[in-house]
Amino acid sequence: MSLNLNKEDISILNSEIFNTVYETLDNGKSIYGIDYVDGQSITGLWYTSNRVRGDNFLKRRDAFLWILERLLREGRIKLHKNGIFFDSSIEDQIKAFRQAWPETDNPYPDHPDADFYLWFYDPECPAGIAWRKDDGSYEIAD
């Protein structure tokens, strides 16, 4: 998959989302950037993708897909549609998002003030996310 991300973008994503400790709890547990969206709906990941610099919709899409793929590979999330978990390969799951992704940041031309976040709740969006809980089960977040 060809990404509109360069090495600096990926470095920023790794650093700000996955590698930087933002706080340490009293029990000694470190809290990383991704922990702030743990348990949130898929729109939380979209919000997190704004870490890449610039106002480029395709770059932000690719940052979102990069984060999504990393979380899938780490087993931190699963994708589902209407509560049914996907069993296809991670590559195919990411491909489904890429193919369904709107071409512009306004997928609703009849509603120019509509926020892109709405697309994640549209039937055209391929999936929602479920986060892995401490007991190993997954809880649907949408």
Protein backbone atom coordinates (compact mmCIF):
# COMPACT_ATOMS: atom_id res chain seq x y z
CA MET A 1 0.00 0.00 0.00
CA SER A 2 1.42 3.33 -1.03
CA LEU A 3 1.10 5.97 1.68
CA ASN A 4 1.18 9.74 1.44
CA LEU A 5 3.35 9.70 4.55
CA ASN A 6 7.07 10.34 4.69
CA LYS A 7 9.58 9.15 7.30
CA GLU A 8 9.06 12.30 9.36
CA ASP A 9 5.28 11.73 9.46
CA ILE A 10 5.72 8.14 10.63
CA SER A 11 8.28 9.26 13.20
CA ILE A 12 5.79 11.83 14.54
CA LEU A 13 3.04 9.21 14.74
CA ASN A 14 5.30 6.73 16.51
CA SER A 15 6.62 9.32 18.92
CA GLU A 16 3.47 11.23 19.80
CA ILE A 17 1.02 8.34 19.81
CA PHE A 18 2.91 5.19 20.72
CA ASN A 19 6.31 5.99 22.25
CA THR A 20 5.95 9.08 24.43
CA VAL A 21 4.86 8.66 28.04
CA TYR A 22 2.45 11.48 28.84
CA GLU A 23 1.89 10.58 32.46
CA THR A 24 2.61 7.87 34.98
CA LEU A 25 -0.14 6.66 37.27
CA ASP A 26 0.31 6.08 40.99
CA ASN A 27 0.56 2.35 40.31
CA GLY A 28 3.52 2.99 37.99
CA LYS A 29 1.61 2.36 34.75
CA SER A 30 2.76 4.62 31.91
CA ILE A 31 0.12 6.36 29.82
CA TYR A 32 0.95 6.83 26.13
CA GLY A 33 -0.87 8.98 23.58
CA ILE A 34 -2.87 6.05 22.20
CA ASP A 35 -4.16 5.31 25.71
CA TYR A 36 -6.19 8.52 25.65
CA VAL A 37 -8.37 7.16 22.84
CA ASP A 38 -8.47 3.55 24.09
CA GLY A 39 -12.12 2.57 24.31
CA GLN A 40 -13.34 5.43 22.14
CA SER A 41 -15.16 4.99 18.86
CA ILE A 42 -13.34 4.99 15.56
CA THR A 43 -13.70 8.78 15.40
CA GLY A 44 -11.14 8.97 18.22
CA LEU A 45 -8.59 7.41 15.88
CA TRP A 46 -9.54 9.90 13.16
CA TYR A 47 -9.00 12.72 15.63
CA THR A 48 -5.60 11.26 16.57
CA SER A 49 -4.53 11.17 12.91
CA ASN A 50 -4.31 14.96 12.93
CA ARG A 51 -0.84 14.58 14.45
CA VAL A 52 0.67 14.64 10.96
CA ARG A 53 1.48 18.17 9.92
CA GLY A 54 -0.21 19.93 7.06
CA ASP A 55 -3.72 20.30 5.81
CA ASN A 56 -3.74 17.37 3.42
CA PHE A 57 -6.80 15.14 3.53
CA LEU A 58 -5.05 12.17 1.88
CA LYS A 59 -2.09 12.44 4.23
CA ARG A 60 -4.44 12.44 7.22
CA ARG A 61 -6.32 9.45 5.75
CA ASP A 62 -3.06 7.57 5.46
CA ALA A 63 -2.09 8.49 9.01
CA PHE A 64 -5.45 7.13 10.15
CA LEU A 65 -4.95 3.90 8.18
CA TRP A 66 -1.39 3.56 9.53
CA ILE A 67 -2.65 3.88 13.12
CA LEU A 68 -5.53 1.49 12.43
CA GLU A 69 -3.19 -1.11 10.92
CA ARG A 70 -0.72 -0.85 13.77
CA LEU A 71 -3.46 -1.35 16.38
CA LEU A 72 -4.82 -4.34 14.45
CA ARG A 73 -1.36 -5.92 14.23
CA GLU A 74 -0.80 -5.37 17.96
CA GLY A 75 -4.15 -7.00 18.70
CA ARG A 76 -5.37 -3.91 20.57
CA ILE A 77 -8.44 -3.59 18.35
CA LYS A 78 -10.64 -5.63 16.06
CA LEU A 79 -12.88 -4.34 13.32
CA HIS A 80 -16.56 -5.21 13.17
CA LYS A 81 -19.66 -4.40 11.20
CA ASN A 82 -22.92 -4.47 13.15
CA GLY A 83 -21.25 -6.45 15.93
CA ILE A 84 -19.78 -9.16 13.68
CA PHE A 85 -15.98 -9.25 13.86
CA PHE A 86 -13.99 -9.40 10.64
CA ASP A 87 -11.98 -12.55 10.03
CA SER A 88 -10.23 -11.38 6.88
CA SER A 89 -6.54 -10.50 6.77
CA ILE A 90 -5.41 -7.16 8.15
CA GLU A 91 -4.35 -6.18 4.64
CA ASP A 92 -7.88 -6.83 3.36
CA GLN A 93 -9.41 -4.88 6.24
CA ILE A 94 -7.24 -1.85 5.50
CA LYS A 95 -7.96 -2.24 1.79
CA ALA A 96 -11.71 -2.12 2.52
CA PHE A 97 -11.24 1.25 4.22
CA ARG A 98 -9.06 2.58 1.43
CA GLN A 99 -11.59 1.55 -1.23
CA ALA A 100 -14.59 3.00 0.63
CA TRP A 101 -12.82 6.20 1.70
CA PRO A 102 -14.46 9.39 0.36
CA GLU A 103 -12.43 11.37 -2.15
CA THR A 104 -12.80 14.64 -0.25
CA ASP A 105 -13.18 15.72 3.35
CA ASN A 106 -16.83 16.53 2.61
CA PRO A 107 -18.53 13.28 1.60
CA TYR A 108 -21.94 14.99 1.74
CA PRO A 109 -21.99 17.69 -0.96
CA ASP A 110 -25.66 18.48 -0.24
CA HIS A 111 -24.60 19.37 3.31
CA PRO A 112 -21.45 21.48 3.00
CA ASP A 113 -21.28 22.08 6.75
CA ALA A 114 -21.32 18.37 7.58
CA ASP A 115 -18.29 17.21 9.51
CA PHE A 116 -16.21 14.33 8.11
CA TYR A 117 -16.70 12.46 11.41
CA LEU A 118 -20.22 11.61 10.25
CA TRP A 119 -18.82 9.31 7.58
CA PHE A 120 -17.71 6.85 10.26
CA TYR A 121 -21.39 6.33 11.13
CA ASP A 122 -22.52 6.09 7.52
CA PRO A 123 -23.31 2.61 6.11
CA GLU A 124 -20.55 3.29 3.54
CA CYS A 125 -17.92 3.11 6.30
CA PRO A 126 -16.63 -0.46 6.29
CA ALA A 127 -16.32 -0.98 10.03
CA GLY A 128 -16.28 0.20 13.59
CA ILE A 129 -13.75 -0.79 16.21
CA ALA A 130 -13.70 -2.88 19.35
CA TRP A 131 -10.93 -2.48 21.92
CA ARG A 132 -9.23 -5.36 23.73
CA LYS A 133 -10.00 -5.38 27.42
CA ASP A 134 -7.66 -6.55 30.17
CA ASP A 135 -9.32 -9.99 30.18
CA GLY A 136 -8.59 -10.44 26.45
CA SER A 137 -12.17 -9.97 25.27
CA TYR A 138 -13.14 -7.11 22.96
CA GLU A 139 -15.63 -4.36 23.68
CA ILE A 140 -17.35 -2.60 20.79
CA ALA A 141 -16.81 1.15 21.04
CA ASP A 142 -19.32 2.57 18.56
